[in-house]
Amino acid sequence: MSEYEKVCLIRGDGGRAVRGILDRIGDKWTLLVVATLHGRRMRFTELLQRVPGISQRMLTLTLRHLERDGLVGRTVFAEVPPRVEYELTPTGRTLVGPAVALAEWAVEHNPDIERSHQAYDSRDD
């Protein structure tokens, strides 16, 4: 029995909790936003400029999800115009290590995966 199966049996939810969290952090933008916020507070516009390719809408949705999950804190300053800053919470900071490890794995193994894609796509089945 794998460690994953053991965790699912202990929780008794058939893996729903694990899948739910992995779906959230494994989306297209979450880990990029978390990595960008690592070690600093940032305003929305600064985040938008630093996360390559993200739209305003997707950054807004990603930040809302991360705030709801307790991974990002949002501070609103009573100024004109209003200023809002985002930062990782203590729980959010614990995600940085696994995220970096996953990114390093992806960079290291990307050439192998691309070769596998090419070999698979060129097969005559």
Protein backbone atom coordinates (compact mmCIF):
# COMPACT_ATOMS: atom_id res chain seq x y z
CA MET A 1 0.00 0.00 0.00
CA SER A 2 1.37 3.41 -0.97
CA GLU A 3 1.77 6.32 1.46
CA TYR A 4 -1.01 8.13 -0.43
CA GLU A 5 -3.39 5.20 0.12
CA LYS A 6 -2.49 5.13 3.83
CA VAL A 7 -3.21 8.85 4.20
CA CYS A 8 -6.56 8.41 2.46
CA LEU A 9 -7.49 5.49 4.71
CA ILE A 10 -6.51 7.40 7.85
CA ARG A 11 -8.62 10.41 6.82
CA GLY A 12 -11.47 8.16 5.71
CA ASP A 13 -12.47 10.50 2.88
CA GLY A 14 -11.22 8.45 -0.06
CA GLY A 15 -8.59 11.05 -0.89
CA ARG A 16 -11.00 13.98 -1.35
CA ALA A 17 -9.05 16.33 0.94
CA VAL A 18 -5.71 15.57 -0.69
CA ARG A 19 -7.14 15.88 -4.21
CA GLY A 20 -8.87 19.16 -3.32
CA ILE A 21 -5.67 20.77 -2.05
CA LEU A 22 -3.58 19.44 -4.94
CA ASP A 23 -6.16 20.70 -7.44
CA ARG A 24 -5.91 24.17 -5.89
CA ILE A 25 -2.14 24.46 -5.67
CA GLY A 26 -1.56 22.57 -8.91
CA ASP A 27 -3.46 25.01 -11.09
CA LYS A 28 -1.70 27.14 -13.67
CA TRP A 29 -1.00 30.21 -11.49
CA THR A 30 -0.99 29.40 -7.78
CA LEU A 31 2.61 28.25 -7.39
CA LEU A 32 3.86 31.17 -9.48
CA VAL A 33 2.00 33.63 -7.25
CA VAL A 34 3.24 31.90 -4.08
CA ALA A 35 6.83 31.94 -5.34
CA THR A 36 6.54 35.60 -6.30
CA LEU A 37 5.23 36.53 -2.85
CA HIS A 38 7.96 34.57 -1.07
CA GLY A 39 9.73 36.86 1.38
CA ARG A 40 7.89 40.07 0.54
CA ARG A 41 4.62 41.98 0.58
CA MET A 42 3.39 43.16 -2.78
CA ARG A 43 0.67 45.28 -4.25
CA PHE A 44 -1.65 43.84 -6.88
CA THR A 45 -0.08 45.81 -9.74
CA GLU A 46 3.42 44.69 -8.78
CA LEU A 47 2.29 41.06 -8.67
CA LEU A 48 0.62 41.48 -12.05
CA GLN A 49 3.88 42.73 -13.52
CA ARG A 50 6.00 39.99 -11.94
CA VAL A 51 3.90 36.92 -12.78
CA PRO A 52 4.50 36.39 -16.51
CA GLY A 53 1.40 35.93 -18.62
CA ILE A 54 -1.25 36.22 -15.90
CA SER A 55 -4.30 38.37 -16.58
CA GLN A 56 -5.86 40.73 -14.05
CA ARG A 57 -8.87 38.43 -13.74
CA MET A 58 -6.78 35.31 -13.11
CA LEU A 59 -4.59 37.09 -10.57
CA THR A 60 -7.70 38.32 -8.77
CA LEU A 61 -9.21 34.82 -8.70
CA THR A 62 -5.94 33.20 -7.65
CA LEU A 63 -5.42 35.68 -4.80
CA ARG A 64 -9.02 35.19 -3.61
CA HIS A 65 -8.58 31.41 -3.56
CA LEU A 66 -5.25 31.68 -1.75
CA GLU A 67 -6.74 34.07 0.79
CA ARG A 68 -9.73 31.77 1.33
CA ASP A 69 -7.36 28.82 1.82
CA GLY A 70 -5.38 30.82 4.40
CA LEU A 71 -2.20 30.86 2.33
CA VAL A 72 -2.17 34.58 1.53
CA GLY A 73 -3.03 37.53 3.73
CA ARG A 74 -4.53 40.73 2.35
CA THR A 75 -4.04 44.09 4.04
CA VAL A 76 -6.13 47.10 3.00
CA PHE A 77 -4.79 50.55 3.84
CA ALA A 78 -7.26 53.42 4.27
CA GLU A 79 -5.71 55.73 1.72
CA VAL A 80 -6.90 57.49 -1.39
CA PRO A 81 -6.62 55.68 -3.67
CA PRO A 82 -6.94 52.53 -1.54
CA ARG A 83 -3.77 50.49 -1.22
CA VAL A 84 -3.92 46.70 -0.87
CA GLU A 85 -0.92 44.49 -0.18
CA TYR A 86 -0.62 40.71 -0.24
CA GLU A 87 1.79 38.44 1.58
CA LEU A 88 2.14 34.77 2.40
CA THR A 89 0.78 33.63 5.74
CA PRO A 90 2.83 31.28 7.92
CA THR A 91 0.95 28.37 6.33
CA GLY A 92 1.59 29.79 2.86
CA ARG A 93 5.30 30.03 3.58
CA THR A 94 5.39 26.28 4.29
CA LEU A 95 4.35 25.71 0.67
CA VAL A 96 7.47 27.40 -0.75
CA GLY A 97 9.87 24.49 -0.09
CA PRO A 98 7.69 21.82 -1.75
CA ALA A 99 6.89 24.23 -4.60
CA VAL A 100 10.58 24.90 -5.29
CA ALA A 101 11.33 21.18 -5.14
CA LEU A 102 8.57 20.49 -7.66
CA ALA A 103 9.81 23.30 -9.94
CA GLU A 104 13.36 21.94 -9.78
CA TRP A 105 12.06 18.46 -10.61
CA ALA A 106 10.15 19.88 -13.59
CA VAL A 107 13.20 21.71 -14.93
CA GLU A 108 15.43 18.66 -14.47
CA HIS A 109 13.04 16.21 -16.12
CA ASN A 110 11.50 18.43 -18.80
CA PRO A 111 13.87 17.22 -21.55
CA ASP A 112 12.99 13.58 -20.79
CA ILE A 113 9.28 14.36 -20.79
CA GLU A 114 9.54 16.25 -24.08
CA ARG A 115 11.38 13.29 -25.66
CA SER A 116 8.63 10.98 -24.40
CA HIS A 117 5.98 13.26 -25.91
CA GLN A 118 7.74 13.22 -29.28
CA ALA A 119 8.15 9.43 -29.22
CA TYR A 120 4.51 8.90 -28.23
CA ASP A 121 3.17 11.36 -30.80
CA SER A 122 5.19 9.78 -33.63
CA ARG A 123 3.92 6.23 -32.96
CA ASP A 124 1.69 4.46 -35.46
CA ASP A 125 -0.98 2.82 -33.32
